[in-house]
N, C-alpha and C. Protein backbone atom coordinates (compact mmCIF):
# COMPACT_ATOMS: atom_id res chain seq x y z
N GLU A 1 15.41 -24.21 -11.66
CA GLU A 1 16.84 -23.98 -11.52
C GLU A 1 17.17 -23.17 -10.27
N SER A 2 16.31 -22.28 -9.90
CA SER A 2 16.60 -21.35 -8.80
C SER A 2 16.01 -21.78 -7.47
N TYR A 3 15.52 -22.98 -7.39
CA TYR A 3 14.86 -23.46 -6.18
C TYR A 3 15.70 -23.25 -4.93
N GLU A 4 16.93 -23.70 -4.94
CA GLU A 4 17.79 -23.60 -3.75
C GLU A 4 18.03 -22.15 -3.35
N THR A 5 18.18 -21.28 -4.34
CA THR A 5 18.42 -19.86 -4.04
C THR A 5 17.19 -19.24 -3.38
N PHE A 6 16.00 -19.60 -3.86
CA PHE A 6 14.78 -19.11 -3.22
C PHE A 6 14.71 -19.60 -1.78
N LYS A 7 15.02 -20.87 -1.55
CA LYS A 7 14.99 -21.42 -0.20
C LYS A 7 15.97 -20.69 0.71
N GLU A 8 17.18 -20.42 0.19
CA GLU A 8 18.20 -19.71 0.96
C GLU A 8 17.73 -18.31 1.34
N LYS A 9 16.88 -17.71 0.53
CA LYS A 9 16.36 -16.36 0.79
C LYS A 9 15.10 -16.40 1.66
N GLY A 10 14.73 -17.59 2.15
CA GLY A 10 13.62 -17.70 3.08
C GLY A 10 12.26 -17.95 2.47
N ILE A 11 12.20 -18.27 1.19
CA ILE A 11 10.92 -18.57 0.55
C ILE A 11 10.49 -19.97 0.97
N ASP A 12 9.29 -20.07 1.52
CA ASP A 12 8.79 -21.35 2.02
C ASP A 12 8.30 -22.29 0.93
N ALA A 13 7.65 -21.74 -0.08
CA ALA A 13 7.06 -22.59 -1.12
C ALA A 13 6.99 -21.83 -2.44
N ILE A 14 7.08 -22.60 -3.51
CA ILE A 14 6.96 -22.04 -4.85
C ILE A 14 5.80 -22.76 -5.54
N TYR A 15 4.88 -21.96 -6.07
CA TYR A 15 3.72 -22.50 -6.76
C TYR A 15 3.72 -22.01 -8.21
N CYS A 16 3.22 -22.85 -9.08
CA CYS A 16 3.02 -22.47 -10.48
C CYS A 16 1.55 -22.71 -10.80
N VAL A 17 0.84 -21.62 -11.12
CA VAL A 17 -0.58 -21.70 -11.45
C VAL A 17 -0.72 -21.49 -12.95
N SER A 18 -1.49 -22.35 -13.59
CA SER A 18 -1.70 -22.22 -15.03
C SER A 18 -3.12 -22.60 -15.38
N VAL A 19 -3.66 -21.93 -16.39
CA VAL A 19 -5.00 -22.26 -16.87
C VAL A 19 -4.86 -23.49 -17.77
N ASN A 20 -4.71 -24.63 -17.12
CA ASN A 20 -4.59 -25.94 -17.77
C ASN A 20 -5.22 -26.97 -16.85
N ASP A 21 -5.28 -28.20 -17.33
CA ASP A 21 -5.82 -29.28 -16.49
C ASP A 21 -4.69 -29.96 -15.72
N ILE A 22 -5.07 -30.82 -14.78
CA ILE A 22 -4.08 -31.46 -13.91
C ILE A 22 -3.12 -32.37 -14.70
N TYR A 23 -3.57 -32.90 -15.80
CA TYR A 23 -2.72 -33.79 -16.59
C TYR A 23 -1.61 -33.01 -17.30
N VAL A 24 -1.94 -31.85 -17.82
CA VAL A 24 -0.94 -30.97 -18.44
C VAL A 24 0.06 -30.51 -17.38
N MET A 25 -0.44 -30.12 -16.24
CA MET A 25 0.43 -29.62 -15.18
C MET A 25 1.37 -30.73 -14.68
N ASP A 26 0.87 -31.94 -14.58
CA ASP A 26 1.70 -33.06 -14.15
C ASP A 26 2.79 -33.36 -15.18
N ALA A 27 2.41 -33.36 -16.45
CA ALA A 27 3.39 -33.61 -17.52
C ALA A 27 4.45 -32.51 -17.54
N TRP A 28 4.02 -31.27 -17.36
CA TRP A 28 4.94 -30.13 -17.34
C TRP A 28 5.90 -30.26 -16.18
N SER A 29 5.38 -30.61 -15.00
CA SER A 29 6.22 -30.80 -13.82
C SER A 29 7.27 -31.88 -14.06
N ASN A 30 6.84 -32.99 -14.62
CA ASN A 30 7.77 -34.09 -14.90
C ASN A 30 8.83 -33.67 -15.91
N ASN A 31 8.42 -32.98 -16.96
CA ASN A 31 9.34 -32.52 -18.00
C ASN A 31 10.39 -31.56 -17.46
N GLN A 32 10.00 -30.72 -16.51
CA GLN A 32 10.89 -29.70 -15.97
C GLN A 32 11.65 -30.14 -14.71
N GLY A 33 11.37 -31.36 -14.23
CA GLY A 33 12.02 -31.82 -13.02
C GLY A 33 11.62 -31.01 -11.80
N ALA A 34 10.36 -30.58 -11.77
CA ALA A 34 9.88 -29.69 -10.71
C ALA A 34 9.34 -30.43 -9.49
N GLU A 35 9.17 -31.73 -9.58
CA GLU A 35 8.58 -32.48 -8.47
C GLU A 35 9.40 -32.29 -7.19
N GLY A 36 8.68 -31.98 -6.11
CA GLY A 36 9.33 -31.75 -4.83
C GLY A 36 9.90 -30.35 -4.67
N LYS A 37 9.80 -29.54 -5.72
CA LYS A 37 10.32 -28.17 -5.68
C LYS A 37 9.21 -27.15 -5.92
N VAL A 38 8.48 -27.36 -7.00
CA VAL A 38 7.42 -26.43 -7.39
C VAL A 38 6.09 -27.17 -7.36
N LEU A 39 5.13 -26.65 -6.65
CA LEU A 39 3.80 -27.25 -6.62
C LEU A 39 3.02 -26.70 -7.80
N MET A 40 2.69 -27.57 -8.73
CA MET A 40 1.98 -27.18 -9.95
C MET A 40 0.48 -27.20 -9.67
N LEU A 41 -0.19 -26.08 -9.88
CA LEU A 41 -1.61 -25.95 -9.59
C LEU A 41 -2.41 -25.70 -10.87
N ALA A 42 -3.34 -26.60 -11.15
CA ALA A 42 -4.20 -26.46 -12.32
C ALA A 42 -5.36 -25.52 -12.00
N ASP A 43 -5.56 -24.56 -12.86
CA ASP A 43 -6.67 -23.60 -12.74
C ASP A 43 -7.49 -23.71 -14.03
N GLY A 44 -7.98 -24.90 -14.30
CA GLY A 44 -8.66 -25.20 -15.56
C GLY A 44 -9.79 -24.27 -15.93
N SER A 45 -10.54 -23.81 -14.97
CA SER A 45 -11.66 -22.90 -15.24
C SER A 45 -11.26 -21.43 -15.09
N ALA A 46 -10.02 -21.18 -14.79
CA ALA A 46 -9.47 -19.84 -14.63
C ALA A 46 -10.12 -19.06 -13.48
N LYS A 47 -10.68 -19.75 -12.50
CA LYS A 47 -11.32 -19.05 -11.39
C LYS A 47 -10.31 -18.25 -10.56
N PHE A 48 -9.20 -18.86 -10.22
CA PHE A 48 -8.17 -18.14 -9.46
C PHE A 48 -7.60 -17.01 -10.30
N THR A 49 -7.27 -17.33 -11.54
CA THR A 49 -6.68 -16.35 -12.45
C THR A 49 -7.56 -15.12 -12.59
N LYS A 50 -8.86 -15.34 -12.74
CA LYS A 50 -9.79 -14.21 -12.83
C LYS A 50 -9.88 -13.46 -11.50
N ALA A 51 -9.86 -14.20 -10.40
CA ALA A 51 -9.99 -13.57 -9.08
C ALA A 51 -8.83 -12.63 -8.78
N VAL A 52 -7.63 -12.94 -9.29
CA VAL A 52 -6.49 -12.07 -9.05
C VAL A 52 -6.25 -11.10 -10.21
N GLY A 53 -7.16 -11.09 -11.17
CA GLY A 53 -7.09 -10.13 -12.27
C GLY A 53 -6.01 -10.39 -13.29
N MET A 54 -5.59 -11.63 -13.41
CA MET A 54 -4.52 -11.97 -14.35
C MET A 54 -5.03 -12.67 -15.61
N ASP A 55 -6.35 -12.67 -15.82
CA ASP A 55 -6.91 -13.32 -16.99
C ASP A 55 -6.77 -12.45 -18.23
N VAL A 56 -6.64 -13.12 -19.36
CA VAL A 56 -6.54 -12.46 -20.65
C VAL A 56 -7.33 -13.30 -21.65
N ASP A 57 -8.11 -12.64 -22.49
CA ASP A 57 -8.93 -13.34 -23.49
C ASP A 57 -8.12 -13.52 -24.76
N LEU A 58 -7.75 -14.75 -25.04
CA LEU A 58 -7.01 -15.07 -26.25
C LEU A 58 -7.88 -15.86 -27.22
N GLY A 59 -9.19 -15.63 -27.13
CA GLY A 59 -10.15 -16.30 -28.02
C GLY A 59 -9.86 -16.03 -29.48
N LEU A 60 -9.35 -14.87 -29.80
CA LEU A 60 -9.01 -14.51 -31.17
C LEU A 60 -7.98 -15.49 -31.75
N PHE A 61 -7.18 -16.08 -30.87
CA PHE A 61 -6.15 -17.03 -31.30
C PHE A 61 -6.57 -18.48 -31.03
N GLY A 62 -7.86 -18.67 -30.70
CA GLY A 62 -8.38 -20.01 -30.45
C GLY A 62 -7.98 -20.61 -29.12
N MET A 63 -7.56 -19.77 -28.17
CA MET A 63 -7.07 -20.27 -26.90
C MET A 63 -8.00 -19.98 -25.73
N GLY A 64 -9.01 -19.14 -25.91
CA GLY A 64 -9.95 -18.83 -24.84
C GLY A 64 -9.30 -18.02 -23.73
N THR A 65 -9.83 -18.17 -22.53
CA THR A 65 -9.29 -17.44 -21.37
C THR A 65 -7.98 -18.10 -20.94
N ARG A 66 -6.96 -17.30 -20.81
CA ARG A 66 -5.65 -17.77 -20.37
C ARG A 66 -5.18 -16.86 -19.25
N SER A 67 -3.96 -17.06 -18.82
CA SER A 67 -3.38 -16.24 -17.76
C SER A 67 -2.23 -15.40 -18.30
N LYS A 68 -2.15 -14.19 -17.81
CA LYS A 68 -0.97 -13.39 -18.08
C LYS A 68 0.20 -14.09 -17.40
N ARG A 69 1.39 -13.84 -17.86
CA ARG A 69 2.57 -14.40 -17.20
C ARG A 69 3.00 -13.41 -16.12
N TYR A 70 3.12 -13.90 -14.89
CA TYR A 70 3.46 -13.04 -13.77
C TYR A 70 4.14 -13.85 -12.68
N SER A 71 4.80 -13.15 -11.79
CA SER A 71 5.30 -13.77 -10.56
C SER A 71 4.78 -12.92 -9.42
N MET A 72 4.57 -13.56 -8.31
CA MET A 72 3.95 -12.89 -7.17
C MET A 72 4.63 -13.34 -5.89
N LEU A 73 4.95 -12.40 -5.04
CA LEU A 73 5.49 -12.71 -3.72
C LEU A 73 4.38 -12.48 -2.72
N ILE A 74 4.06 -13.53 -1.98
CA ILE A 74 2.98 -13.46 -1.00
C ILE A 74 3.55 -13.75 0.38
N GLU A 75 3.28 -12.86 1.33
CA GLU A 75 3.71 -13.05 2.71
C GLU A 75 2.48 -13.03 3.61
N ASP A 76 2.27 -14.12 4.33
CA ASP A 76 1.15 -14.23 5.26
C ASP A 76 -0.19 -13.90 4.58
N GLY A 77 -0.35 -14.37 3.35
CA GLY A 77 -1.59 -14.18 2.62
C GLY A 77 -1.77 -12.81 1.97
N VAL A 78 -0.73 -11.97 2.04
CA VAL A 78 -0.79 -10.63 1.47
C VAL A 78 0.18 -10.54 0.29
N ILE A 79 -0.31 -10.06 -0.85
CA ILE A 79 0.56 -9.88 -2.00
C ILE A 79 1.49 -8.70 -1.73
N LYS A 80 2.78 -8.99 -1.68
CA LYS A 80 3.79 -7.96 -1.40
C LYS A 80 4.41 -7.42 -2.68
N LYS A 81 4.44 -8.24 -3.72
CA LYS A 81 5.09 -7.85 -4.97
C LYS A 81 4.47 -8.66 -6.10
N ILE A 82 4.26 -8.00 -7.23
CA ILE A 82 3.76 -8.70 -8.41
C ILE A 82 4.48 -8.14 -9.64
N ASN A 83 5.02 -9.03 -10.43
CA ASN A 83 5.75 -8.67 -11.64
C ASN A 83 5.00 -9.25 -12.83
N ILE A 84 4.42 -8.39 -13.65
CA ILE A 84 3.60 -8.82 -14.78
C ILE A 84 4.37 -8.63 -16.07
N GLU A 85 4.46 -9.70 -16.84
CA GLU A 85 5.16 -9.67 -18.13
C GLU A 85 4.39 -8.80 -19.11
N VAL A 86 5.10 -8.00 -19.90
CA VAL A 86 4.43 -7.13 -20.87
C VAL A 86 4.50 -7.68 -22.29
N LYS A 87 5.49 -8.52 -22.58
CA LYS A 87 5.63 -9.10 -23.91
C LYS A 87 5.29 -10.58 -23.86
N PRO A 88 4.30 -11.01 -24.67
CA PRO A 88 3.93 -12.43 -24.69
C PRO A 88 5.14 -13.31 -25.02
N GLY A 89 5.22 -14.44 -24.35
CA GLY A 89 6.27 -15.40 -24.62
C GLY A 89 7.59 -15.13 -23.92
N GLU A 90 7.68 -14.05 -23.18
CA GLU A 90 8.92 -13.73 -22.47
C GLU A 90 8.74 -13.94 -20.97
N ALA A 91 9.87 -14.04 -20.27
CA ALA A 91 9.84 -14.19 -18.82
C ALA A 91 10.95 -13.35 -18.20
N GLU A 92 11.11 -12.14 -18.70
CA GLU A 92 12.14 -11.25 -18.16
C GLU A 92 11.64 -10.57 -16.88
N ILE A 93 10.46 -10.01 -16.93
CA ILE A 93 9.89 -9.30 -15.78
C ILE A 93 9.36 -10.29 -14.75
N SER A 94 8.79 -11.38 -15.22
CA SER A 94 8.14 -12.34 -14.33
C SER A 94 9.04 -13.50 -13.91
N GLY A 95 10.23 -13.56 -14.44
CA GLY A 95 11.11 -14.69 -14.20
C GLY A 95 11.74 -14.73 -12.82
N ALA A 96 12.32 -15.88 -12.50
CA ALA A 96 12.94 -16.11 -11.20
C ALA A 96 14.08 -15.14 -10.93
N LYS A 97 14.89 -14.86 -11.95
CA LYS A 97 16.03 -13.96 -11.77
C LYS A 97 15.58 -12.59 -11.27
N ARG A 98 14.52 -12.08 -11.85
CA ARG A 98 14.00 -10.75 -11.45
C ARG A 98 13.48 -10.81 -10.02
N MET A 99 12.67 -11.83 -9.71
CA MET A 99 12.11 -11.93 -8.37
C MET A 99 13.22 -12.08 -7.33
N LEU A 100 14.22 -12.88 -7.62
CA LEU A 100 15.32 -13.04 -6.68
C LEU A 100 16.05 -11.73 -6.43
N SER A 101 16.19 -10.92 -7.46
CA SER A 101 16.88 -9.63 -7.31
C SER A 101 16.09 -8.67 -6.44
N GLU A 102 14.78 -8.92 -6.29
CA GLU A 102 13.92 -8.02 -5.52
C GLU A 102 13.69 -8.49 -4.09
N LEU A 103 14.21 -9.63 -3.75
CA LEU A 103 14.01 -10.17 -2.39
C LEU A 103 15.00 -9.55 -1.41
């Protein structure tokens, strides 16, 4: 929904990384109308997620290694801002509205 606003604020690209396979990410992109706006990146083995310290073990719930919900602003390969959600299932801290307010 906020794609145009991000572009107006000078954001070059929007990526969505999830600990899922490419088929799930493609279906999610299609369902959300994200094609051409958000590049959906599958992190099936959670290598990227672990590398940036956003992994969480949800094995107790039968889900294995997953990703925390977060948004990240990266400029020239440097993380300038990271908003990590504290309540599962919410997107108040990590959502587009919050990130836009901080740009």
